[in-house]
Amino acid sequence: MRKIIQNKRGSYADIFVFIIMSFIIVVFFGMMYYGFSKVDTVLTGIQITTGDGTGYGNFTNIVDDTWGEVFDAYAQLKIIAYVLIFGMIFSILVSSYMTKSPPIFLIIYIIISIVGIIAGASISNVYQGLLLNAEFGSTLQSFRGASYLLLYLPYLAGIVALFSGLLSLIQLNKSKVETGGGFQP
């Protein structure tokens, strides 16, 4: 296990991966939910009755018992998108805590964080345009938590970048051996 953890380096591009993947996850899950809601509307709109019209002779009952259960499960995509975004934030913070960065990289990290915040503002504006779309926007608005995070993505990216930078630059998790203050046996 120790071999796996040794000599691992964090990435300064984590904030960009977070911004892009957050957008892709929410839009992809939104497209899936939108498509499956259209299929659900079409399937439940079919009015076919076979036989005497009771039980499984009615097509609506068949759809509700089969496809209806699947469609109800796709409603969980809203929660999964929110959880995945927080999982990415948590993984960025943990990886920056485990990273050993000399303070000389502070300037580079600040520049990359500023560019990440600007990229977050651009992606947030694109997402806001998607929310205002007449057809697809209502589906994305139903992803309340993830939509909120994407609308405030520049602030979120700034906060994550600040804390991950502090965690990687502060010597809280380093022993004297790692910082060069001691000798190795």
Protein backbone atom coordinates (compact mmCIF):
# COMPACT_ATOMS: atom_id res chain seq x y z
CA MET A 1 0.00 0.00 0.00
CA ARG A 2 2.84 2.36 0.80
CA LYS A 3 4.25 1.84 -2.71
CA ILE A 4 1.00 3.09 -4.23
CA ILE A 5 1.04 6.32 -2.23
CA GLN A 6 4.75 7.11 -2.70
CA ASN A 7 5.90 9.72 -5.22
CA LYS A 8 2.41 10.82 -6.24
CA ARG A 9 2.08 14.35 -7.50
CA GLY A 10 -1.05 16.41 -7.62
CA SER A 11 -2.08 18.26 -10.71
CA TYR A 12 -2.54 21.97 -11.07
CA ALA A 13 -5.14 21.27 -13.74
CA ASP A 14 -7.55 19.66 -11.26
CA ILE A 15 -9.68 22.80 -11.21
CA PHE A 16 -10.11 22.64 -15.00
CA VAL A 17 -11.07 18.98 -14.86
CA PHE A 18 -13.58 19.82 -12.13
CA ILE A 19 -15.14 22.67 -14.12
CA ILE A 20 -15.41 20.73 -17.38
CA MET A 21 -16.58 17.47 -15.83
CA SER A 22 -19.23 19.21 -13.71
CA PHE A 23 -20.70 20.78 -16.83
CA ILE A 24 -20.51 17.54 -18.84
CA ILE A 25 -22.07 15.46 -16.07
CA VAL A 26 -25.05 17.75 -15.57
CA VAL A 27 -25.70 18.27 -19.28
CA PHE A 28 -25.29 14.56 -20.09
CA PHE A 29 -27.57 13.48 -17.24
CA GLY A 30 -30.02 16.22 -18.28
CA MET A 31 -30.07 14.91 -21.86
CA MET A 32 -30.65 11.37 -20.61
CA TYR A 33 -33.49 12.46 -18.36
CA TYR A 34 -35.00 14.64 -21.10
CA GLY A 35 -34.90 11.80 -23.63
CA PHE A 36 -36.36 9.26 -21.26
CA SER A 37 -39.11 11.67 -20.20
CA LYS A 38 -40.06 12.07 -23.88
CA VAL A 39 -40.16 8.28 -24.24
CA ASP A 40 -42.28 8.06 -21.08
CA THR A 41 -44.71 10.66 -22.43
CA VAL A 42 -45.11 8.78 -25.69
CA LEU A 43 -45.48 5.37 -24.07
CA THR A 44 -48.01 6.48 -21.48
CA GLY A 45 -49.97 8.34 -24.16
CA ILE A 46 -50.71 5.17 -26.11
CA GLN A 47 -54.29 4.07 -25.46
CA ILE A 48 -54.59 0.45 -26.51
CA THR A 49 -56.96 -1.94 -24.81
CA THR A 50 -56.99 -5.58 -25.67
CA GLY A 51 -59.42 -8.21 -24.52
CA ASP A 52 -61.89 -7.10 -21.89
CA GLY A 53 -59.83 -4.02 -20.81
CA THR A 54 -58.95 -5.21 -17.33
CA GLY A 55 -55.59 -6.16 -15.88
CA TYR A 56 -52.78 -6.48 -18.38
CA GLY A 57 -55.06 -6.11 -21.37
CA ASN A 58 -54.60 -2.35 -20.98
CA PHE A 59 -51.32 -1.12 -22.49
CA THR A 60 -51.06 1.75 -19.97
CA ASN A 61 -50.90 -0.75 -17.09
CA ILE A 62 -48.16 -2.68 -18.85
CA VAL A 63 -46.12 0.50 -19.41
CA ASP A 64 -46.55 1.60 -15.80
CA ASP A 65 -45.42 -1.77 -14.45
CA THR A 66 -42.38 -2.08 -16.73
CA TRP A 67 -41.11 1.18 -18.20
CA GLY A 68 -42.60 3.24 -15.37
CA GLU A 69 -40.27 1.60 -12.86
CA VAL A 70 -37.25 2.29 -15.07
CA PHE A 71 -38.26 5.90 -15.60
CA ASP A 72 -38.69 6.42 -11.85
CA ALA A 73 -35.13 5.18 -11.39
CA TYR A 74 -33.84 7.79 -13.86
CA ALA A 75 -35.16 10.50 -11.54
CA GLN A 76 -32.18 9.64 -9.31
CA LEU A 77 -29.85 11.20 -11.92
CA LYS A 78 -30.61 14.56 -10.30
CA ILE A 79 -29.12 13.41 -7.01
CA ILE A 80 -26.26 11.52 -8.65
CA ALA A 81 -25.12 14.65 -10.54
CA TYR A 82 -25.03 16.62 -7.30
CA VAL A 83 -23.13 13.87 -5.48
CA LEU A 84 -20.59 13.50 -8.29
CA ILE A 85 -19.81 17.22 -8.19
CA PHE A 86 -19.20 17.08 -4.46
CA GLY A 87 -17.16 13.91 -4.93
CA MET A 88 -14.90 15.75 -7.36
CA ILE A 89 -14.48 18.61 -4.90
CA PHE A 90 -13.60 16.15 -2.15
CA SER A 91 -11.09 14.32 -4.36
CA ILE A 92 -9.40 17.59 -5.32
CA LEU A 93 -9.04 18.55 -1.68
CA VAL A 94 -7.73 15.13 -0.66
CA SER A 95 -5.22 14.99 -3.52
CA SER A 96 -3.97 18.49 -2.74
CA TYR A 97 -3.60 17.52 0.92
CA MET A 98 -1.48 14.53 -0.08
CA THR A 99 0.66 16.56 -2.50
CA LYS A 100 4.03 18.02 -1.56
CA SER A 101 4.38 21.39 -3.29
CA PRO A 102 7.18 23.82 -2.59
CA PRO A 103 6.04 27.40 -1.94
CA ILE A 104 7.77 28.54 -5.15
CA PHE A 105 4.79 27.15 -7.08
CA LEU A 106 2.40 29.58 -5.37
CA ILE A 107 2.58 32.09 -8.22
CA ILE A 108 1.92 29.38 -10.81
CA TYR A 109 -0.99 28.09 -8.77
CA ILE A 110 -2.50 31.57 -8.44
CA ILE A 111 -2.31 32.12 -12.21
CA ILE A 112 -3.86 28.75 -12.96
CA SER A 113 -6.60 29.39 -10.38
CA ILE A 114 -7.46 32.76 -11.94
CA VAL A 115 -7.66 31.19 -15.40
CA GLY A 116 -9.84 28.43 -13.89
CA ILE A 117 -12.20 31.01 -12.39
CA ILE A 118 -12.47 32.76 -15.76
CA ALA A 119 -13.17 29.42 -17.46
CA GLY A 120 -15.78 28.70 -14.77
CA ALA A 121 -17.50 32.01 -15.54
CA SER A 122 -17.64 31.13 -19.24
CA ILE A 123 -19.07 27.68 -18.60
CA SER A 124 -21.54 29.11 -16.11
CA ASN A 125 -22.78 31.56 -18.77
CA VAL A 126 -23.16 28.72 -21.28
CA TYR A 127 -25.13 26.73 -18.71
CA GLN A 128 -27.33 29.72 -17.98
CA GLY A 129 -28.10 29.89 -21.71
CA LEU A 130 -29.07 26.22 -21.63
CA LEU A 131 -31.35 26.89 -18.66
CA LEU A 132 -33.16 29.57 -20.66
CA ASN A 133 -33.78 27.17 -23.56
CA ALA A 134 -37.51 26.67 -23.97
CA GLU A 135 -37.35 22.93 -24.65
CA PHE A 136 -34.40 21.62 -22.62
CA GLY A 137 -34.21 24.26 -19.88
CA SER A 138 -37.04 22.92 -17.76
CA THR A 139 -35.30 19.56 -17.52
CA LEU A 140 -32.05 21.18 -16.40
CA GLN A 141 -33.95 23.33 -13.92
CA SER A 142 -35.23 20.15 -12.29
CA PHE A 143 -31.58 19.37 -11.40
CA ARG A 144 -31.82 21.95 -8.61
CA GLY A 145 -28.64 21.28 -6.64
CA ALA A 146 -26.37 20.68 -9.61
CA SER A 147 -27.84 23.69 -11.45
CA TYR A 148 -27.20 25.89 -8.45
CA LEU A 149 -23.58 24.73 -8.31
CA LEU A 150 -23.09 25.32 -12.03
CA LEU A 151 -24.63 28.78 -11.90
CA TYR A 152 -22.18 29.72 -9.15
CA LEU A 153 -19.30 27.79 -10.73
CA PRO A 154 -16.81 30.71 -10.74
CA TYR A 155 -17.27 31.19 -6.99
CA LEU A 156 -17.12 27.46 -6.37
CA ALA A 157 -14.00 27.10 -8.52
CA GLY A 158 -12.37 29.97 -6.62
CA ILE A 159 -13.16 28.46 -3.24
CA VAL A 160 -11.98 24.99 -4.27
CA ALA A 161 -8.80 26.45 -5.81
CA LEU A 162 -8.10 28.49 -2.68
CA PHE A 163 -8.53 25.60 -0.29
CA SER A 164 -6.69 23.09 -2.47
CA GLY A 165 -3.83 25.54 -2.89
CA LEU A 166 -3.65 26.12 0.84
CA LEU A 167 -3.75 22.40 1.55
CA SER A 168 -0.95 21.66 -0.92
CA LEU A 169 1.28 24.54 0.16
CA ILE A 170 0.86 24.44 3.93
CA GLN A 171 3.16 21.98 5.62
CA LEU A 172 0.48 20.41 7.85
CA ASN A 173 0.74 16.94 6.41
CA LYS A 174 4.49 16.78 5.98
CA SER A 175 6.87 15.25 8.45
CA LYS A 176 10.41 16.48 9.01
CA VAL A 177 11.72 13.71 6.79
CA GLU A 178 9.55 14.85 3.89
CA THR A 179 10.50 18.52 4.24
CA GLY A 180 14.23 17.84 4.59
CA GLY A 181 14.40 18.86 8.25
CA GLY A 182 15.38 15.42 9.49
CA PHE A 183 17.41 12.47 8.42
CA GLN A 184 16.11 9.22 7.08
CA PRO A 185 17.02 5.99 8.85
